[in-house]
Amino acid sequence: MDLLESGYLFYRARQYDIRGREYLRTNGKYFIIDTGLRRNAVGRKDGNYSNRLEDIVYVELLRRGYTVDIGKLNGTEIDFVARKLDETLYIQVAYELPNNTHETDNLLNIKDNNKKIVITSRYYETTQIDGIPIIYIVDWLLSDK
């Protein structure tokens, strides 16, 4: 993996304990720079669309100048903790919104005033749940924020 990282084919995101404000001693998570390479290696298998979407969001956050980590809070995972200067952004990525509020509940458990969003690959009429914006991936990619 070190060779793939040094060749800029994969990026490693470390796990960050949001409550303790420190990095955890785990392997973290790896994201591929080109989803086409992933498809070539794995084949045309259906499913696992959420991981592909996470790869796209991760690379875009890096492109926008954020430092990106995987958040942990009380045993739950926050897909991304993105930081740039004095800005912190918490992001959950979902291929489609589940019938429950799992994605937003994880974000609502973070007790600070930083921005929280859910990015989804499907367009929904619902633009927010409990005050957390639900953003279609295409709209997010085209925005400058």
Protein backbone atom coordinates (compact mmCIF):
# COMPACT_ATOMS: atom_id res chain seq x y z
CA MET A 1 0.00 0.00 0.00
CA ASP A 2 2.93 2.33 0.63
CA LEU A 3 3.93 2.07 -3.04
CA LEU A 4 0.39 2.79 -4.19
CA GLU A 5 0.22 5.78 -1.86
CA SER A 6 3.56 7.16 -2.97
CA GLY A 7 2.39 6.73 -6.58
CA TYR A 8 -0.72 8.82 -5.72
CA LEU A 9 -3.09 6.02 -6.72
CA PHE A 10 -4.49 5.63 -3.21
CA TYR A 11 -4.88 8.03 -0.32
CA ARG A 12 -5.07 6.99 3.31
CA ALA A 13 -7.43 8.74 5.70
CA ARG A 14 -6.70 8.35 9.38
CA GLN A 15 -9.37 7.80 11.98
CA TYR A 16 -10.02 10.76 14.24
CA ASP A 17 -11.80 10.60 17.59
CA ILE A 18 -14.13 13.59 17.49
CA ARG A 19 -14.81 13.62 21.23
CA GLY A 20 -11.20 13.05 22.35
CA ARG A 21 -9.81 15.21 19.53
CA GLU A 22 -7.00 12.84 18.72
CA TYR A 23 -6.04 10.35 16.05
CA LEU A 24 -6.75 6.69 16.73
CA ARG A 25 -4.17 3.94 16.28
CA THR A 26 -5.99 2.06 13.56
CA ASN A 27 -5.22 1.41 9.92
CA GLY A 28 -7.63 4.05 8.70
CA LYS A 29 -9.30 3.78 5.34
CA TYR A 30 -7.97 3.91 1.78
CA PHE A 31 -9.50 5.80 -1.12
CA ILE A 32 -8.64 5.30 -4.78
CA ILE A 33 -7.91 8.33 -6.92
CA ASP A 34 -9.57 6.95 -10.06
CA THR A 35 -12.79 4.97 -9.81
CA GLY A 36 -12.13 3.63 -13.32
CA LEU A 37 -9.06 1.81 -11.99
CA ARG A 38 -11.20 0.29 -9.27
CA ARG A 39 -13.74 -0.91 -11.79
CA ASN A 40 -10.97 -2.41 -13.93
CA ALA A 41 -9.50 -4.28 -10.94
CA VAL A 42 -12.79 -5.49 -9.47
CA GLY A 43 -14.78 -5.86 -12.69
CA ARG A 44 -18.32 -4.85 -13.47
CA LYS A 45 -19.78 -6.19 -10.26
CA ASP A 46 -22.90 -4.40 -9.17
CA GLY A 47 -23.23 -3.02 -5.69
CA ASN A 48 -20.95 -1.17 -3.32
CA TYR A 49 -21.96 2.14 -4.87
CA SER A 50 -21.53 3.94 -1.56
CA ASN A 51 -17.80 3.18 -1.53
CA ARG A 52 -17.44 4.56 -5.05
CA LEU A 53 -19.30 7.68 -3.99
CA GLU A 54 -17.04 8.03 -0.93
CA ASP A 55 -13.98 7.86 -3.21
CA ILE A 56 -15.34 10.70 -5.33
CA VAL A 57 -16.20 12.87 -2.32
CA TYR A 58 -12.84 12.22 -0.66
CA VAL A 59 -10.82 13.20 -3.75
CA GLU A 60 -12.96 16.32 -4.27
CA LEU A 61 -12.43 17.40 -0.66
CA LEU A 62 -8.67 17.06 -1.16
CA ARG A 63 -8.93 19.07 -4.37
CA ARG A 64 -10.76 21.82 -2.47
CA GLY A 65 -7.85 22.04 -0.02
CA TYR A 66 -9.26 20.18 2.98
CA THR A 67 -7.41 17.82 5.28
CA VAL A 68 -9.72 14.81 5.41
CA ASP A 69 -10.06 12.21 8.16
CA ILE A 70 -12.58 9.52 9.08
CA GLY A 71 -14.50 10.48 12.21
CA LYS A 72 -15.31 8.24 15.15
CA LEU A 73 -17.79 9.23 17.82
CA ASN A 74 -19.00 6.78 20.48
CA GLY A 75 -18.45 3.78 18.22
CA THR A 76 -20.18 5.29 15.18
CA GLU A 77 -18.42 6.43 12.04
CA ILE A 78 -18.68 9.84 10.49
CA ASP A 79 -17.64 9.37 6.87
CA PHE A 80 -15.51 12.51 6.67
CA VAL A 81 -14.16 15.19 8.95
CA ALA A 82 -12.83 17.84 6.58
CA ARG A 83 -10.74 20.71 7.95
CA LYS A 84 -9.35 23.81 6.29
CA LEU A 85 -7.93 26.72 8.29
CA ASP A 86 -10.61 27.47 10.90
CA GLU A 87 -13.41 25.57 9.12
CA THR A 88 -14.55 22.05 10.04
CA LEU A 89 -17.09 20.17 7.97
CA TYR A 90 -18.70 16.83 8.88
CA ILE A 91 -19.96 14.79 5.93
CA GLN A 92 -22.00 11.62 5.66
CA VAL A 93 -22.18 9.97 2.24
CA ALA A 94 -25.13 7.77 1.27
CA TYR A 95 -25.94 6.18 -2.06
CA GLU A 96 -29.58 6.71 -1.19
CA LEU A 97 -31.27 7.93 1.94
CA PRO A 98 -32.43 5.08 4.15
CA ASN A 99 -35.96 4.98 5.49
CA ASN A 100 -34.56 5.71 8.94
CA THR A 101 -32.56 8.75 10.07
CA HIS A 102 -29.29 6.86 10.66
CA GLU A 103 -27.18 9.19 8.48
CA THR A 104 -28.39 12.38 10.14
CA ASP A 105 -28.49 10.90 13.65
CA ASN A 106 -24.73 10.29 13.53
CA LEU A 107 -24.20 13.94 12.63
CA LEU A 108 -26.66 15.24 15.24
CA ASN A 109 -24.69 13.44 17.97
CA ILE A 110 -21.75 15.77 17.31
CA LYS A 111 -22.25 18.54 19.83
CA ASP A 112 -20.49 21.44 18.17
CA ASN A 113 -21.60 24.15 15.77
CA ASN A 114 -19.59 23.10 12.73
CA LYS A 115 -21.35 22.52 9.43
CA LYS A 116 -22.83 19.07 8.82
CA ILE A 117 -24.08 17.73 5.47
CA VAL A 118 -25.27 14.50 3.85
CA ILE A 119 -24.25 13.89 0.23
CA THR A 120 -26.31 11.42 -1.78
CA SER A 121 -26.11 10.07 -5.31
CA ARG A 122 -29.83 10.35 -5.84
CA TYR A 123 -31.82 13.54 -6.15
CA TYR A 124 -34.48 13.97 -3.46
CA GLU A 125 -37.14 16.60 -2.99
CA THR A 126 -36.12 16.63 0.67
CA THR A 127 -33.45 19.29 1.10
CA GLN A 128 -32.86 18.83 4.82
CA ILE A 129 -33.52 16.49 7.71
CA ASP A 130 -33.47 17.91 11.24
CA GLY A 131 -31.63 20.97 9.94
CA ILE A 132 -28.92 18.99 8.14
CA PRO A 133 -28.73 19.72 4.39
CA ILE A 134 -29.22 16.79 2.01
CA ILE A 135 -27.18 17.55 -1.11
CA TYR A 136 -27.24 15.75 -4.44
CA ILE A 137 -23.67 14.80 -5.45
CA VAL A 138 -23.89 16.61 -8.80
CA ASP A 139 -25.00 19.83 -7.11
CA TRP A 140 -22.20 19.51 -4.55
CA LEU A 141 -19.54 18.86 -7.18
CA LEU A 142 -20.69 21.88 -9.19
CA SER A 143 -20.73 24.18 -6.18
CA ASP A 144 -17.63 25.98 -4.97
CA LYS A 145 -18.39 25.41 -1.30
